[in-house]
């Protein structure tokens, strides 16, 4: 009987511990501070925007006059706790439109 109980308890402990796997937080994109976003104005150049906000997350070859800054943070297995998407449109090298607080996919 003891020969069966000890291996059974060992197997059971392995199975229980397998469900307790740590999953690290995941942060992707450009973390943008609100104070930096408030400094962005119509008419600024690409270099000024890059200095304030950094390199854009998405460099779309089909939309060269639009920079997208996307950020989301997921901690563990929970849904994203922080999400932000900002698009900046350019015309002839100067900012013409700033779209803040665009909606990201809720399933992130």
Protein backbone atom coordinates (compact mmCIF):
# COMPACT_ATOMS: atom_id res chain seq x y z
CA UNK A 1 0.00 0.00 0.00
CA UNK A 2 2.80 2.42 0.91
CA UNK A 3 4.48 1.74 -2.44
CA UNK A 4 1.41 3.09 -4.22
CA UNK A 5 0.66 6.06 -1.94
CA UNK A 6 4.11 7.74 -2.12
CA UNK A 7 4.34 7.84 -5.97
CA UNK A 8 0.69 8.89 -6.11
CA UNK A 9 1.33 11.81 -3.73
CA UNK A 10 4.40 12.86 -5.73
CA UNK A 11 2.42 12.83 -8.99
CA UNK A 12 -0.42 14.76 -7.37
CA UNK A 13 1.96 17.43 -6.06
CA UNK A 14 3.47 17.84 -9.55
CA UNK A 15 0.03 18.24 -11.09
CA UNK A 16 -1.02 20.83 -8.53
CA UNK A 17 2.18 22.84 -8.89
CA UNK A 18 1.91 22.84 -12.71
CA UNK A 19 -1.18 25.08 -12.53
CA UNK A 20 0.68 27.74 -10.55
CA UNK A 21 2.94 29.04 -13.29
CA UNK A 22 3.98 32.67 -13.00
CA UNK A 23 3.19 34.85 -15.99
CA UNK A 24 5.17 38.07 -16.18
CA UNK A 25 3.63 41.41 -17.06
CA UNK A 26 3.74 42.45 -20.70
CA UNK A 27 4.27 46.05 -21.77
CA UNK A 28 4.41 46.88 -25.46
CA UNK A 29 4.71 50.10 -27.38
CA UNK A 30 5.57 53.67 -26.50
CA UNK A 31 4.74 54.80 -22.96
CA UNK A 32 3.55 58.37 -23.51
CA UNK A 33 3.31 60.86 -20.69
CA UNK A 34 0.30 63.16 -20.71
CA UNK A 35 2.54 66.22 -20.30
CA UNK A 36 4.49 65.25 -23.44
CA UNK A 37 1.27 64.76 -25.42
CA UNK A 38 0.01 68.18 -24.33
CA UNK A 39 3.10 69.78 -25.89
CA UNK A 40 2.32 68.39 -29.36
CA UNK A 41 0.85 71.12 -31.55
CA UNK A 42 -0.30 71.57 -35.11
CA UNK A 43 2.59 72.76 -37.30
CA UNK A 44 5.39 70.95 -35.45
CA UNK A 45 7.96 69.08 -37.55
CA UNK A 46 8.62 65.34 -37.58
CA UNK A 47 11.89 65.87 -35.70
CA UNK A 48 10.13 67.82 -32.94
CA UNK A 49 7.54 65.05 -32.55
CA UNK A 50 10.23 62.37 -32.50
CA UNK A 51 12.09 64.36 -29.81
CA UNK A 52 8.95 64.65 -27.64
CA UNK A 53 7.39 61.22 -28.11
CA UNK A 54 10.15 59.02 -29.49
CA UNK A 55 10.09 56.80 -32.54
CA UNK A 56 6.56 55.74 -33.51
CA UNK A 57 5.50 52.18 -32.79
CA UNK A 58 4.13 51.61 -36.28
CA UNK A 59 6.00 52.68 -39.41
CA UNK A 60 3.40 51.94 -42.07
CA UNK A 61 4.81 52.09 -45.62
CA UNK A 62 1.30 52.70 -47.00
CA UNK A 63 0.64 55.74 -44.76
CA UNK A 64 3.93 57.64 -44.66
CA UNK A 65 2.18 60.77 -43.39
CA UNK A 66 0.77 59.10 -40.26
CA UNK A 67 2.62 58.02 -37.12
CA UNK A 68 0.88 55.74 -34.64
CA UNK A 69 1.95 55.54 -31.01
CA UNK A 70 0.42 52.53 -29.28
CA UNK A 71 0.96 51.30 -25.74
CA UNK A 72 -0.63 48.61 -23.62
CA UNK A 73 0.26 46.94 -20.34
CA UNK A 74 -0.99 43.53 -19.27
CA UNK A 75 -0.11 42.18 -15.83
CA UNK A 76 -0.28 38.41 -15.49
CA UNK A 77 -3.33 36.81 -17.06
CA UNK A 78 -5.60 39.82 -16.50
CA UNK A 79 -6.80 41.98 -19.41
CA UNK A 80 -4.76 45.05 -20.33
CA UNK A 81 -4.72 47.56 -17.48
CA UNK A 82 -3.36 50.49 -19.50
CA UNK A 83 -4.05 51.19 -23.17
CA UNK A 84 -3.35 54.21 -25.30
CA UNK A 85 -3.34 54.90 -29.05
CA UNK A 86 -2.36 58.25 -30.51
CA UNK A 87 -2.12 59.02 -34.25
CA UNK A 88 -0.32 62.04 -35.62
CA UNK A 89 -0.90 63.07 -39.24
CA UNK A 90 1.61 65.06 -41.29
CA UNK A 91 1.39 67.07 -44.45
CA UNK A 92 4.57 68.34 -46.08
CA UNK A 93 6.56 67.46 -42.95
CA UNK A 94 4.35 69.35 -40.46
CA UNK A 95 1.66 68.10 -38.09
CA UNK A 96 -1.85 68.69 -39.43
CA UNK A 97 -3.97 66.49 -37.15
CA UNK A 98 -3.57 64.88 -33.71
CA UNK A 99 -5.89 62.03 -32.76
CA UNK A 100 -5.70 61.18 -29.07
CA UNK A 101 -7.43 58.42 -27.11
CA UNK A 102 -8.31 56.20 -30.04
CA UNK A 103 -9.94 52.89 -29.11
CA UNK A 104 -7.79 49.77 -29.01
CA UNK A 105 -9.20 46.28 -29.28
CA UNK A 106 -10.86 45.52 -25.91
CA UNK A 107 -9.56 41.93 -26.03
CA UNK A 108 -5.91 43.00 -25.61
